[in-house]
Amino acid sequence: MLCSIPSHVPHAGFLLSRLINMDKLSIIIPVYNTELYIKRCLDSVVSQTYENIEIICVDDGSTDNSGKICAEYAEKDARIKYIYKPNGGESSARNAGLRNASGHYIGFIDCDDWIAPDMYATLHHMAKKHNAHVNVVNFYKNTDAEQLIMQNRKPIKNGCMSARDMMIYALNRDDYTGYCSYIWNKLFSADLIRKNGLLFDEQIRFGGDVLFHAQVVLSDGCTGVYNDTPLYHYYQRGSSTAHSKDLSTKRDILTAYKRIEQLMNKKGYSDISFWARGFYCYHASVVAEIALQQENKRMFTHMQNEIRIHLDDYIETNKDFPKKHEKIHQLLN
């Protein structure tokens, strides 16, 4: 299991030479108060069949035993870097990981998720075979009650994907559920990220991953490849940011999608940027529902106005789902 090779082991020099000749993968794990799940996550990463990895655990000011657990793992496995920083949010932790990453490729894992043993071997093979900058596998959605494979309603093309392809797959989630715009089922070219100076926006507490994905994909010359095999386990727990009822946090994703729309327009994809506006409208409806529950009339009215502005785009992106139309019209009435 351990990457460090004692000098007395036969053929240690050969094994070390093999590692040196392999591309290094930097796996970044932002960690915050997940002592119940972090061991499962780390066990799945240190057990990868791809050997030349560095595992960067960024403890974002945890107040439980998460940091202690990461530090203990780092003492036992030389591939693990443990970094502590004051709490600054997930984007801040991911940026700390990026600044400390030395690999040829970069991957991200959420600290309550886990991965199949061959996930990074599969992703690296895809990257080398297709010379791709964004390499994607399918995933499972896990809860305490069930495990579901994400099923695409429409096929994702084999071989090389263009930036246009990837933006459509990311934003049309009903048809291409297995792609998504999350970053954890992907392996990115470190050169592309560094060349473009890409970092997460630390002011965006919810939705920073979808914006980062768009910034990578819309970088000049970016290509991708997809494998429909589910190798990532996305664990949904009730206390995650995605389930937060904090209006200020929830509104951040509106900023993310507005910037994605602007970036798509700037890069020459204005003909498909209505997909970003449709998602903006959806998240405006989520904020509106929370505001209604919290009797925040001012916020509810503001979100109603945002929904009306983007309603046509929402209807266009959900034309096959009339029940969604009914739900959004209920908020307007």
C-alpha atoms as a PDB file:
ATOM      1  CA  MET A   1       0.000   0.000   0.000  1.00  0.00           C
ATOM      2  CA  LEU A   2       2.797   2.464   0.879  1.00  0.00           C
ATOM      3  CA  CYS A   3       4.556   4.314  -1.899  1.00  0.00           C
ATOM      4  CA  SER A   4       7.942   4.638  -0.154  1.00  0.00           C
ATOM      5  CA  ILE A   5      10.112   1.625  -1.053  1.00  0.00           C
ATOM      6  CA  PRO A   6      12.625   0.323   1.551  1.00  0.00           C
ATOM      7  CA  SER A   7      16.151  -0.090   0.191  1.00  0.00           C
ATOM      8  CA  HIS A   8      16.266  -3.756   1.160  1.00  0.00           C
ATOM      9  CA  VAL A   9      13.336  -4.722  -1.069  1.00  0.00           C
ATOM     10  CA  PRO A  10      14.499  -6.646  -4.181  1.00  0.00           C
ATOM     11  CA  HIS A  11      14.258  -4.677  -7.427  1.00  0.00           C
ATOM     12  CA  ALA A  12      13.419  -1.471  -5.487  1.00  0.00           C
ATOM     13  CA  GLY A  13      15.507   0.523  -7.968  1.00  0.00           C
ATOM     14  CA  PHE A  14      13.484  -0.866 -10.880  1.00  0.00           C
ATOM     15  CA  LEU A  15      10.200  -0.029  -9.149  1.00  0.00           C
ATOM     16  CA  LEU A  16      11.349   3.498  -8.332  1.00  0.00           C
ATOM     17  CA  SER A  17      12.505   3.986 -11.921  1.00  0.00           C
ATOM     18  CA  ARG A  18       9.089   2.891 -13.144  1.00  0.00           C
ATOM     19  CA  LEU A  19       7.383   5.460 -10.931  1.00  0.00           C
ATOM     20  CA  ILE A  20       9.699   8.217 -12.132  1.00  0.00           C
ATOM     21  CA  ASN A  21       8.847   7.398 -15.749  1.00  0.00           C
ATOM     22  CA  MET A  22       5.101   7.569 -15.079  1.00  0.00           C
ATOM     23  CA  ASP A  23       3.143  10.823 -15.215  1.00  0.00           C
ATOM     24  CA  LYS A  24       2.455  12.102 -11.735  1.00  0.00           C
ATOM     25  CA  LEU A  25      -1.185  12.713 -10.823  1.00  0.00           C
ATOM     26  CA  SER A  26      -2.019  15.292  -8.152  1.00  0.00           C
ATOM     27  CA  ILE A  27      -5.226  14.431  -6.287  1.00  0.00           C
ATOM     28  CA  ILE A  28      -6.624  17.353  -4.274  1.00  0.00           C
ATOM     29  CA  ILE A  29      -8.983  16.671  -1.363  1.00  0.00           C
ATOM     30  CA  PRO A  30     -10.453  19.674   0.492  1.00  0.00           C
ATOM     31  CA  VAL A  31     -11.271  18.507   4.014  1.00  0.00           C
ATOM     32  CA  TYR A  32     -13.697  20.031   6.483  1.00  0.00           C
ATOM     33  CA  ASN A  33     -15.409  18.302   9.411  1.00  0.00           C
ATOM     34  CA  THR A  34     -15.936  14.875   7.853  1.00  0.00           C
ATOM     35  CA  GLU A  35     -14.325  12.636  10.464  1.00  0.00           C
ATOM     36  CA  LEU A  36     -17.013   9.998   9.831  1.00  0.00           C
ATOM     37  CA  TYR A  37     -16.151   9.707   6.126  1.00  0.00           C
ATOM     38  CA  ILE A  38     -12.550  10.786   5.519  1.00  0.00           C
ATOM     39  CA  LYS A  39     -11.009   7.348   6.186  1.00  0.00           C
ATOM     40  CA  ARG A  40     -13.224   5.758   3.554  1.00  0.00           C
ATOM     41  CA  CYS A  41     -12.189   8.460   1.112  1.00  0.00           C
ATOM     42  CA  LEU A  42      -8.466   8.183   1.817  1.00  0.00           C
ATOM     43  CA  ASP A  43      -8.487   4.380   1.784  1.00  0.00           C
ATOM     44  CA  SER A  44      -9.959   4.458  -1.716  1.00  0.00           C
ATOM     45  CA  VAL A  45      -7.285   6.874  -2.940  1.00  0.00           C
ATOM     46  CA  VAL A  46      -4.205   5.183  -1.454  1.00  0.00           C
ATOM     47  CA  SER A  47      -5.464   1.895  -2.933  1.00  0.00           C
ATOM     48  CA  GLN A  48      -5.379   3.175  -6.525  1.00  0.00           C
ATOM     49  CA  THR A  49      -3.806   0.835  -9.052  1.00  0.00           C
ATOM     50  CA  TYR A  50      -2.096   3.851 -10.634  1.00  0.00           C
ATOM     51  CA  GLU A  51       0.996   4.246  -8.475  1.00  0.00           C
ATOM     52  CA  ASN A  52       2.537   7.649  -9.150  1.00  0.00           C
ATOM     53  CA  ILE A  53       0.128   9.951  -7.342  1.00  0.00           C
ATOM     54  CA  GLU A  54       0.446  12.703  -4.791  1.00  0.00           C
ATOM     55  CA  ILE A  55      -2.533  13.113  -2.492  1.00  0.00           C
ATOM     56  CA  ILE A  56      -2.955  16.667  -1.226  1.00  0.00           C
ATOM     57  CA  CYS A  57      -5.258  16.857   1.797  1.00  0.00           C
ATOM     58  CA  VAL A  58      -6.117  20.451   2.590  1.00  0.00           C
ATOM     59  CA  ASP A  59      -7.644  20.762   6.056  1.00  0.00           C
ATOM     60  CA  ASP A  60      -9.778  23.901   5.857  1.00  0.00           C
ATOM     61  CA  GLY A  61      -9.821  24.616   9.591  1.00  0.00           C
ATOM     62  CA  SER A  62     -11.727  21.494  10.679  1.00  0.00           C
ATOM     63  CA  THR A  63     -13.009  21.538  14.260  1.00  0.00           C
ATOM     64  CA  ASP A  64     -13.395  17.742  14.521  1.00  0.00           C
ATOM     65  CA  ASN A  65     -10.809  14.973  14.077  1.00  0.00           C
ATOM     66  CA  SER A  66     -10.662  15.204  10.264  1.00  0.00           C
ATOM     67  CA  GLY A  67      -7.289  16.946  10.229  1.00  0.00           C
ATOM     68  CA  LYS A  68      -5.809  14.548  12.767  1.00  0.00           C
ATOM     69  CA  ILE A  69      -6.883  11.584  10.638  1.00  0.00           C
ATOM     70  CA  CYS A  70      -5.311  13.111   7.519  1.00  0.00           C
ATOM     71  CA  ALA A  71      -2.074  13.804   9.382  1.00  0.00           C
ATOM     72  CA  GLU A  72      -1.952  10.191  10.589  1.00  0.00           C
ATOM     73  CA  TYR A  73      -2.382   8.932   7.031  1.00  0.00           C
ATOM     74  CA  ALA A  74       0.380  11.286   5.846  1.00  0.00           C
ATOM     75  CA  GLU A  75       2.774   9.796   8.414  1.00  0.00           C
ATOM     76  CA  LYS A  76       2.174   6.319   6.986  1.00  0.00           C
ATOM     77  CA  ASP A  77       2.139   7.123   3.253  1.00  0.00           C
ATOM     78  CA  ALA A  78       4.785   9.341   1.687  1.00  0.00           C
ATOM     79  CA  ARG A  79       2.463  10.228  -1.193  1.00  0.00           C
ATOM     80  CA  ILE A  80       0.156  12.190   1.110  1.00  0.00           C
ATOM     81  CA  LYS A  81       0.739  15.897   1.753  1.00  0.00           C
ATOM     82  CA  TYR A  82      -1.210  17.271   4.712  1.00  0.00           C
ATOM     83  CA  ILE A  83      -1.835  21.025   4.628  1.00  0.00           C
ATOM     84  CA  TYR A  84      -3.637  22.960   7.347  1.00  0.00           C
ATOM     85  CA  LYS A  85      -5.168  26.369   6.715  1.00  0.00           C
ATOM     86  CA  PRO A  86      -7.703  28.560   8.513  1.00  0.00           C
ATOM     87  CA  ASN A  87     -11.255  28.092   7.328  1.00  0.00           C
ATOM     88  CA  GLY A  88     -11.842  29.869   4.050  1.00  0.00           C
ATOM     89  CA  GLY A  89     -14.275  27.641   2.196  1.00  0.00           C
ATOM     90  CA  GLU A  90     -14.015  24.844  -0.336  1.00  0.00           C
ATOM     91  CA  SER A  91     -12.724  27.021  -3.183  1.00  0.00           C
ATOM     92  CA  SER A  92      -9.979  28.388  -0.943  1.00  0.00           C
ATOM     93  CA  ALA A  93      -8.964  24.846   0.044  1.00  0.00           C
ATOM     94  CA  ARG A  94      -8.911  23.698  -3.588  1.00  0.00           C
ATOM     95  CA  ASN A  95      -6.726  26.663  -4.512  1.00  0.00           C
ATOM     96  CA  ALA A  96      -4.277  25.743  -1.753  1.00  0.00           C
ATOM     97  CA  GLY A  97      -4.148  22.284  -3.297  1.00  0.00           C
ATOM     98  CA  LEU A  98      -3.561  23.674  -6.791  1.00  0.00           C
ATOM     99  CA  ARG A  99      -0.694  25.845  -5.547  1.00  0.00           C
ATOM    100  CA  ASN A 100       0.978  22.791  -4.015  1.00  0.00           C
ATOM    101  CA  ALA A 101       0.306  20.388  -6.899  1.00  0.00           C
ATOM    102  CA  SER A 102       3.318  19.168  -8.890  1.00  0.00           C
ATOM    103  CA  GLY A 103       1.625  16.581 -11.114  1.00  0.00           C
ATOM    104  CA  HIS A 104       1.155  16.378 -14.864  1.00  0.00           C
ATOM    105  CA  TYR A 105      -2.588  15.917 -14.296  1.00  0.00           C
ATOM    106  CA  ILE A 106      -4.897  17.116 -11.547  1.00  0.00           C
ATOM    107  CA  GLY A 107      -7.952  15.473 -10.019  1.00  0.00           C
ATOM    108  CA  PHE A 108     -10.306  16.481  -7.221  1.00  0.00           C
ATOM    109  CA  ILE A 109     -12.205  14.382  -4.695  1.00  0.00           C
ATOM    110  CA  ASP A 110     -14.729  15.544  -2.114  1.00  0.00           C
ATOM    111  CA  CYS A 111     -13.787  14.313   1.345  1.00  0.00           C
ATOM    112  CA  ASP A 112     -17.024  12.385   1.947  1.00  0.00           C
ATOM    113  CA  ASP A 113     -16.875  10.553  -1.404  1.00  0.00           C
ATOM    114  CA  TRP A 114     -14.817   7.574  -2.561  1.00  0.00           C
ATOM    115  CA  ILE A 115     -13.516   6.083  -5.807  1.00  0.00           C
ATOM    116  CA  ALA A 116     -13.029   2.714  -7.515  1.00  0.00           C
ATOM    117  CA  PRO A 117      -9.466   1.265  -7.370  1.00  0.00           C
ATOM    118  CA  ASP A 118      -8.876   1.760 -11.102  1.00  0.00           C
ATOM    119  CA  MET A 119     -10.417   5.198 -11.514  1.00  0.00           C
ATOM    120  CA  TYR A 120      -7.199   7.142 -12.025  1.00  0.00           C
ATOM    121  CA  ALA A 121      -5.548   4.402 -14.078  1.00  0.00           C
ATOM    122  CA  THR A 122      -8.570   4.568 -16.382  1.00  0.00           C
ATOM    123  CA  LEU A 123      -8.555   8.370 -16.569  1.00  0.00           C
ATOM    124  CA  HIS A 124      -4.818   8.543 -17.215  1.00  0.00           C
ATOM    125  CA  HIS A 125      -5.082   5.948 -19.992  1.00  0.00           C
ATOM    126  CA  MET A 126      -7.828   8.025 -21.594  1.00  0.00           C
ATOM    127  CA  ALA A 127      -5.732  11.188 -21.339  1.00  0.00           C
ATOM    128  CA  LYS A 128      -2.715   9.604 -23.020  1.00  0.00           C
ATOM    129  CA  LYS A 129      -4.668   7.727 -25.690  1.00  0.00           C
ATOM    130  CA  HIS A 130      -6.653  10.768 -26.803  1.00  0.00           C
ATOM    131  CA  ASN A 131      -4.243  13.540 -25.792  1.00  0.00           C
ATOM    132  CA  ALA A 132      -7.192  15.097 -23.968  1.00  0.00           C
ATOM    133  CA  HIS A 133      -7.215  17.923 -21.432  1.00  0.00           C
ATOM    134  CA  VAL A 134     -10.466  16.947 -19.676  1.00  0.00           C
ATOM    135  CA  ASN A 135     -11.019  13.247 -19.020  1.00  0.00           C
ATOM    136  CA  VAL A 136     -14.378  12.155 -17.611  1.00  0.00           C
ATOM    137  CA  VAL A 137     -15.897   8.965 -16.184  1.00  0.00           C
ATOM    138  CA  ASN A 138     -19.440   8.247 -15.093  1.00  0.00           C
ATOM    139  CA  PHE A 139     -20.377   8.046 -11.416  1.00  0.00           C
ATOM    140  CA  TYR A 140     -22.684   6.582  -8.809  1.00  0.00           C
ATOM    141  CA  LYS A 141     -24.960   8.670  -6.623  1.00  0.00           C
ATOM    142  CA  ASN A 142     -24.875   7.197  -3.129  1.00  0.00           C
ATOM    143  CA  THR A 143     -27.112   7.826  -0.142  1.00  0.00           C
ATOM    144  CA  ASP A 144     -27.435   5.830   3.058  1.00  0.00           C
ATOM    145  CA  ALA A 145     -30.383   4.034   1.445  1.00  0.00           C
ATOM    146  CA  GLU A 146     -29.279   3.315  -2.130  1.00  0.00           C
ATOM    147  CA  GLN A 147     -26.688   3.450  -4.887  1.00  0.00           C
ATOM    148  CA  LEU A 148     -27.684   4.637  -8.362  1.00  0.00           C
ATOM    149  CA  ILE A 149     -25.692   4.611 -11.594  1.00  0.00           C
ATOM    150  CA  MET A 150     -26.159   7.829 -13.528  1.00  0.00           C
ATOM    151  CA  GLN A 151     -27.818   6.901 -16.807  1.00  0.00           C
ATOM    152  CA  ASN A 152     -27.467   9.185 -19.827  1.00  0.00           C
ATOM    153  CA  ARG A 153     -30.719   9.570 -21.776  1.00  0.00           C
ATOM    154  CA  LYS A 154     -28.706  10.332 -24.919  1.00  0.00           C
ATOM    155  CA  PRO A 155     -25.309   8.877 -25.875  1.00  0.00           C
ATOM    156  CA  ILE A 156     -22.144  10.884 -25.363  1.00  0.00           C
ATOM    157  CA  LYS A 157     -19.868  10.670 -28.387  1.00  0.00           C
ATOM    158  CA  ASN A 158     -16.912   8.305 -28.402  1.00  0.00           C
ATOM    159  CA  GLY A 159     -13.438   9.735 -28.851  1.00  0.00           C
ATOM    160  CA  CYS A 160     -12.426  13.358 -28.746  1.00  0.00           C
ATOM    161  CA  MET A 161     -14.946  15.927 -27.485  1.00  0.00           C
ATOM    162  CA  SER A 162     -14.789  19.616 -28.336  1.00  0.00           C
ATOM    163  CA  ALA A 163     -15.394  22.494 -25.941  1.00  0.00           C
ATOM    164  CA  ARG A 164     -18.878  22.900 -27.449  1.00  0.00           C
ATOM    165  CA  ASP A 165     -19.626  19.225 -26.782  1.00  0.00           C
ATOM    166  CA  MET A 166     -18.479  19.441 -23.181  1.00  0.00           C
ATOM    167  CA  MET A 167     -20.446  22.593 -22.400  1.00  0.00           C
ATOM    168  CA  ILE A 168     -23.643  21.045 -23.778  1.00  0.00           C
ATOM    169  CA  TYR A 169     -23.031  17.810 -21.857  1.00  0.00           C
ATOM    170  CA  ALA A 170     -22.374  19.776 -18.666  1.00  0.00           C
ATOM    171  CA  LEU A 171     -25.418  22.039 -18.948  1.00  0.00           C
ATOM    172  CA  ASN A 172     -27.948  19.571 -20.368  1.00  0.00           C
ATOM    173  CA  ARG A 173     -27.992  17.378 -17.283  1.00  0.00           C
ATOM    174  CA  ASP A 174     -31.285  15.679 -18.020  1.00  0.00           C
ATOM    175  CA  ASP A 175     -29.902  14.066 -21.171  1.00  0.00           C
ATOM    176  CA  TYR A 176     -26.247  13.715 -20.104  1.00  0.00           C
ATOM    177  CA  THR A 177     -26.481  12.936 -16.402  1.00  0.00           C
ATOM    178  CA  GLY A 178     -23.225  10.972 -16.301  1.00  0.00           C
ATOM    179  CA  TYR A 179     -21.049  13.891 -17.449  1.00  0.00           C
ATOM    180  CA  CYS A 180     -22.193  16.777 -15.209  1.00  0.00           C
ATOM    181  CA  SER A 181     -20.224  19.954 -14.523  1.00  0.00           C
ATOM    182  CA  TYR A 182     -18.792  18.776 -11.223  1.00  0.00           C
ATOM    183  CA  ILE A 183     -15.013  18.386 -11.107  1.00  0.00           C
ATOM    184  CA  TRP A 184     -14.609  15.205  -9.075  1.00  0.00           C
ATOM    185  CA  ASN A 185     -15.276  12.646 -11.851  1.00  0.00           C
ATOM    186  CA  LYS A 186     -12.595  14.209 -14.045  1.00  0.00           C
ATOM    187  CA  LEU A 187      -8.839  14.383 -14.582  1.00  0.00           C
ATOM    188  CA  PHE A 188      -7.522  17.707 -15.904  1.00  0.00           C
ATOM    189  CA  SER A 189      -4.350  18.674 -17.738  1.00  0.00           C
ATOM    190  CA  ALA A 190      -2.173  20.550 -15.256  1.00  0.00           C
ATOM    191  CA  ASP A 191      -0.431  22.377 -18.112  1.00  0.00           C
ATOM    192  CA  LEU A 192      -3.739  23.800 -19.349  1.00  0.00           C
ATOM    193  CA  ILE A 193      -4.680  24.962 -15.847  1.00  0.00           C
ATOM    194  CA  ARG A 194      -1.286  26.537 -15.165  1.00  0.00           C
ATOM    195  CA  LYS A 195      -0.918  28.112 -18.613  1.00  0.00           C
ATOM    196  CA  ASN A 196      -4.241  29.911 -18.172  1.00  0.00           C
ATOM    197  CA  GLY A 197      -3.666  30.771 -14.504  1.00  0.00           C
ATOM    198  CA  LEU A 198      -6.933  29.119 -13.505  1.00  0.00           C
ATOM    199  CA  LEU A 199      -8.048  29.104  -9.876  1.00  0.00           C
ATOM    200  CA  PHE A 200     -11.361  28.796  -8.060  1.00  0.00           C
ATOM    201  CA  ASP A 201     -13.197  32.015  -7.223  1.00  0.00           C
ATOM    202  CA  GLU A 202     -12.990  32.105  -3.421  1.00  0.00           C
ATOM    203  CA  GLN A 203     -15.919  34.518  -3.206  1.00  0.00           C
ATOM    204  CA  ILE A 204     -18.247  31.826  -4.583  1.00  0.00           C
ATOM    205  CA  ARG A 205     -19.110  29.392  -1.784  1.00  0.00           C
ATOM    206  CA  PHE A 206     -21.586  27.329  -3.821  1.00  0.00           C
ATOM    207  CA  GLY A 207     -21.109  26.702  -7.532  1.00  0.00           C
ATOM    208  CA  GLY A 208     -17.397  27.402  -7.783  1.00  0.00           C
ATOM    209  CA  ASP A 209     -16.804  23.957  -9.274  1.00  0.00           C
ATOM    210  CA  VAL A 210     -19.175  24.478 -12.210  1.00  0.00           C
ATOM    211  CA  LEU A 211     -17.516  27.817 -12.985  1.00  0.00           C
ATOM    212  CA  PHE A 212     -14.032  26.286 -12.805  1.00  0.00           C
ATOM    213  CA  HIS A 213     -15.100  23.479 -15.150  1.00  0.00           C
ATOM    214  CA  ALA A 214     -16.360  26.031 -17.676  1.00  0.00           C
ATOM    215  CA  GLN A 215     -13.138  28.053 -17.434  1.00  0.00           C
ATOM    216  CA  VAL A 216     -11.053  24.953 -18.137  1.00  0.00           C
ATOM    217  CA  VAL A 217     -13.244  23.699 -20.989  1.00  0.00           C
ATOM    218  CA  LEU A 218     -13.429  27.121 -22.657  1.00  0.00           C
ATOM    219  CA  SER A 219      -9.655  27.575 -22.569  1.00  0.00           C
ATOM    220  CA  ASP A 220      -8.214  27.753 -26.090  1.00  0.00           C
ATOM    221  CA  GLY A 221      -7.622  24.335 -27.641  1.00  0.00           C
ATOM    222  CA  CYS A 222      -9.241  22.306 -24.859  1.00  0.00           C
ATOM    223  CA  THR A 223     -10.431  18.808 -25.784  1.00  0.00           C
ATOM    224  CA  GLY A 224     -11.981  16.013 -23.741  1.00  0.00           C
ATOM    225  CA  VAL A 225     -12.949  12.354 -23.667  1.00  0.00           C
ATOM    226  CA  TYR A 226     -15.669  10.438 -21.807  1.00  0.00           C
ATOM    227  CA  ASN A 227     -15.938   6.877 -20.455  1.00  0.00           C
ATOM    228  CA  ASP A 228     -19.384   5.687 -19.383  1.00  0.00           C
ATOM    229  CA  THR A 229     -17.997   3.333 -16.722  1.00  0.00           C
ATOM    230  CA  PRO A 230     -19.059   4.577 -13.240  1.00  0.00           C
ATOM    231  CA  LEU A 231     -15.918   4.846 -11.090  1.00  0.00           C
ATOM    232  CA  TYR A 232     -16.704   7.698  -8.682  1.00  0.00           C
ATOM    233  CA  HIS A 233     -19.056   7.449  -5.699  1.00  0.00           C
ATOM    234  CA  TYR A 234     -20.829  10.754  -4.993  1.00  0.00           C
ATOM    235  CA  TYR A 235     -22.228  10.565  -1.470  1.00  0.00           C
ATOM    236  CA  GLN A 236     -25.144  12.869  -0.729  1.00  0.00           C
ATOM    237  CA  ARG A 237     -25.539  13.716   2.938  1.00  0.00           C
ATOM    238  CA  GLY A 238     -28.110  16.099   4.363  1.00  0.00           C
ATOM    239  CA  SER A 239     -25.563  18.450   5.953  1.00  0.00           C
ATOM    240  CA  SER A 240     -23.664  19.240   2.735  1.00  0.00           C
ATOM    241  CA  THR A 241     -23.547  22.729   1.221  1.00  0.00           C
ATOM    242  CA  ALA A 242     -25.850  21.575  -1.585  1.00  0.00           C
ATOM    243  CA  HIS A 243     -28.600  21.093   1.014  1.00  0.00           C
ATOM    244  CA  SER A 244     -27.930  24.357   2.836  1.00  0.00           C
ATOM    245  CA  LYS A 245     -30.827  26.739   3.431  1.00  0.00           C
ATOM    246  CA  ASP A 246     -28.544  29.748   3.788  1.00  0.00           C
ATOM    247  CA  LEU A 247     -29.789  32.243   1.219  1.00  0.00           C
ATOM    248  CA  SER A 248     -26.509  34.109   0.935  1.00  0.00           C
ATOM    249  CA  THR A 249     -24.634  30.892   0.128  1.00  0.00           C
ATOM    250  CA  LYS A 250     -27.309  29.606  -2.241  1.00  0.00           C
ATOM    251  CA  ARG A 251     -27.269  32.844  -4.236  1.00  0.00           C
ATOM    252  CA  ASP A 252     -23.585  32.373  -5.088  1.00  0.00           C
ATOM    253  CA  ILE A 253     -24.434  29.815  -7.752  1.00  0.00           C
ATOM    254  CA  LEU A 254     -26.422  32.492  -9.578  1.00  0.00           C
ATOM    255  CA  THR A 255     -23.199  34.471  -9.865  1.00  0.00           C
ATOM    256  CA  ALA A 256     -21.436  31.350 -11.152  1.00  0.00           C
ATOM    257  CA  TYR A 257     -23.964  30.711 -13.925  1.00  0.00           C
ATOM    258  CA  LYS A 258     -24.098  34.362 -14.943  1.00  0.00           C
ATOM    259  CA  ARG A 259     -20.324  34.305 -15.374  1.00  0.00           C
ATOM    260  CA  ILE A 260     -20.520  31.044 -17.315  1.00  0.00           C
ATOM    261  CA  GLU A 261     -23.022  32.662 -19.692  1.00  0.00           C
ATOM    262  CA  GLN A 262     -20.735  35.667 -20.157  1.00  0.00           C
ATOM    263  CA  LEU A 263     -17.729  33.439 -20.774  1.00  0.00           C
ATOM    264  CA  MET A 264     -19.617  31.366 -23.343  1.00  0.00           C
ATOM    265  CA  ASN A 265     -20.687  34.510 -25.178  1.00  0.00           C
ATOM    266  CA  LYS A 266     -17.120  35.841 -25.124  1.00  0.00           C
ATOM    267  CA  LYS A 267     -15.697  32.598 -26.491  1.00  0.00           C
ATOM    268  CA  GLY A 268     -18.143  32.405 -29.404  1.00  0.00           C
ATOM    269  CA  TYR A 269     -20.791  30.083 -27.976  1.00  0.00           C
ATOM    270  CA  SER A 270     -23.630  32.585 -27.665  1.00  0.00           C
ATOM    271  CA  ASP A 271     -25.876  30.237 -29.662  1.00  0.00           C
ATOM    272  CA  ILE A 272     -25.852  27.710 -26.801  1.00  0.00           C
ATOM    273  CA  SER A 273     -25.457  30.038 -23.798  1.00  0.00           C
ATOM    274  CA  PHE A 274     -29.222  29.820 -23.212  1.00  0.00           C
ATOM    275  CA  TRP A 275     -28.380  26.566 -21.403  1.00  0.00           C
ATOM    276  CA  ALA A 276     -26.519  28.571 -18.762  1.00  0.00           C
ATOM    277  CA  ARG A 277     -29.439  31.008 -18.479  1.00  0.00           C
ATOM    278  CA  GLY A 278     -31.806  28.069 -18.044  1.00  0.00           C
ATOM    279  CA  PHE A 279     -29.752  26.803 -15.119  1.00  0.00           C
ATOM    280  CA  TYR A 280     -29.644  30.322 -13.704  1.00  0.00           C
ATOM    281  CA  CYS A 281     -33.427  30.351 -13.756  1.00  0.00           C
ATOM    282  CA  TYR A 282     -33.598  26.953 -12.066  1.00  0.00           C
ATOM    283  CA  HIS A 283     -31.360  28.073  -9.205  1.00  0.00           C
ATOM    284  CA  ALA A 284     -33.325  31.314  -8.903  1.00  0.00           C
ATOM    285  CA  SER A 285     -36.377  29.121  -8.312  1.00  0.00           C
ATOM    286  CA  VAL A 286     -34.509  27.178  -5.609  1.00  0.00           C
ATOM    287  CA  VAL A 287     -33.599  30.416  -3.845  1.00  0.00           C
ATOM    288  CA  ALA A 288     -37.204  31.617  -4.249  1.00  0.00           C
ATOM    289  CA  GLU A 289     -38.530  28.465  -2.571  1.00  0.00           C
ATOM    290  CA  ILE A 290     -36.170  28.899   0.382  1.00  0.00           C
ATOM    291  CA  ALA A 291     -37.071  32.581   0.661  1.00  0.00           C
ATOM    292  CA  LEU A 292     -40.745  31.643   0.676  1.00  0.00           C
ATOM    293  CA  GLN A 293     -40.177  29.093   3.459  1.00  0.00           C
ATOM    294  CA  GLN A 294     -38.252  31.685   5.469  1.00  0.00           C
ATOM    295  CA  GLU A 295     -40.867  34.384   4.791  1.00  0.00           C
ATOM    296  CA  ASN A 296     -38.251  36.603   3.210  1.00  0.00           C
ATOM    297  CA  LYS A 297     -40.598  38.583   0.990  1.00  0.00           C
ATOM    298  CA  ARG A 298     -37.923  40.893  -0.402  1.00  0.00           C
ATOM    299  CA  MET A 299     -35.729  38.032  -1.604  1.00  0.00           C
ATOM    300  CA  PHE A 300     -38.710  36.082  -2.909  1.00  0.00           C
ATOM    301  CA  THR A 301     -39.863  39.042  -5.010  1.00  0.00           C
ATOM    302  CA  HIS A 302     -36.354  39.588  -6.347  1.00  0.00           C
ATOM    303  CA  MET A 303     -36.076  35.943  -7.398  1.00  0.00           C
ATOM    304  CA  GLN A 304     -39.498  36.092  -9.047  1.00  0.00           C
ATOM    305  CA  ASN A 305     -38.202  38.944 -11.199  1.00  0.00           C
ATOM    306  CA  GLU A 306     -35.083  36.936 -12.095  1.00  0.00           C
ATOM    307  CA  ILE A 307     -37.242  33.950 -13.049  1.00  0.00           C
ATOM    308  CA  ARG A 308     -39.406  36.110 -15.325  1.00  0.00           C
ATOM    309  CA  ILE A 309     -36.314  37.502 -17.084  1.00  0.00           C
ATOM    310  CA  HIS A 310     -34.975  33.994 -17.799  1.00  0.00           C
ATOM    311  CA  LEU A 311     -38.246  32.090 -18.104  1.00  0.00           C
ATOM    312  CA  ASP A 312     -38.086  31.552 -21.877  1.00  0.00           C
ATOM    313  CA  ASP A 313     -34.635  30.001 -21.544  1.00  0.00           C
ATOM    314  CA  TYR A 314     -35.835  27.742 -18.740  1.00  0.00           C
ATOM    315  CA  ILE A 315     -38.787  26.557 -20.810  1.00  0.00           C
ATOM    316  CA  GLU A 316     -36.551  25.939 -23.832  1.00  0.00           C
ATOM    317  CA  THR A 317     -34.039  23.876 -21.823  1.00  0.00           C
ATOM    318  CA  ASN A 318     -36.839  21.877 -20.186  1.00  0.00           C
ATOM    319  CA  LYS A 319     -39.214  21.490 -23.121  1.00  0.00           C
ATOM    320  CA  ASP A 320     -39.412  17.727 -22.553  1.00  0.00           C
ATOM    321  CA  PHE A 321     -40.423  18.169 -18.904  1.00  0.00           C
ATOM    322  CA  PRO A 322     -43.788  20.002 -18.659  1.00  0.00           C
ATOM    323  CA  LYS A 323     -44.066  19.321 -14.911  1.00  0.00           C
ATOM    324  CA  LYS A 324     -41.046  21.556 -14.389  1.00  0.00           C
ATOM    325  CA  HIS A 325     -42.906  24.330 -16.202  1.00  0.00           C
ATOM    326  CA  GLU A 326     -45.846  23.921 -13.826  1.00  0.00           C
ATOM    327  CA  LYS A 327     -43.617  24.181 -10.785  1.00  0.00           C
ATOM    328  CA  ILE A 328     -41.886  27.347 -11.949  1.00  0.00           C
ATOM    329  CA  HIS A 329     -45.208  28.992 -12.859  1.00  0.00           C
ATOM    330  CA  GLN A 330     -46.497  28.240  -9.366  1.00  0.00           C
ATOM    331  CA  LEU A 331     -43.670  30.340  -7.929  1.00  0.00           C
ATOM    332  CA  LEU A 332     -44.627  33.211 -10.215  1.00  0.00           C
ATOM    333  CA  ASN A 333     -48.274  33.067  -9.150  1.00  0.00           C
END
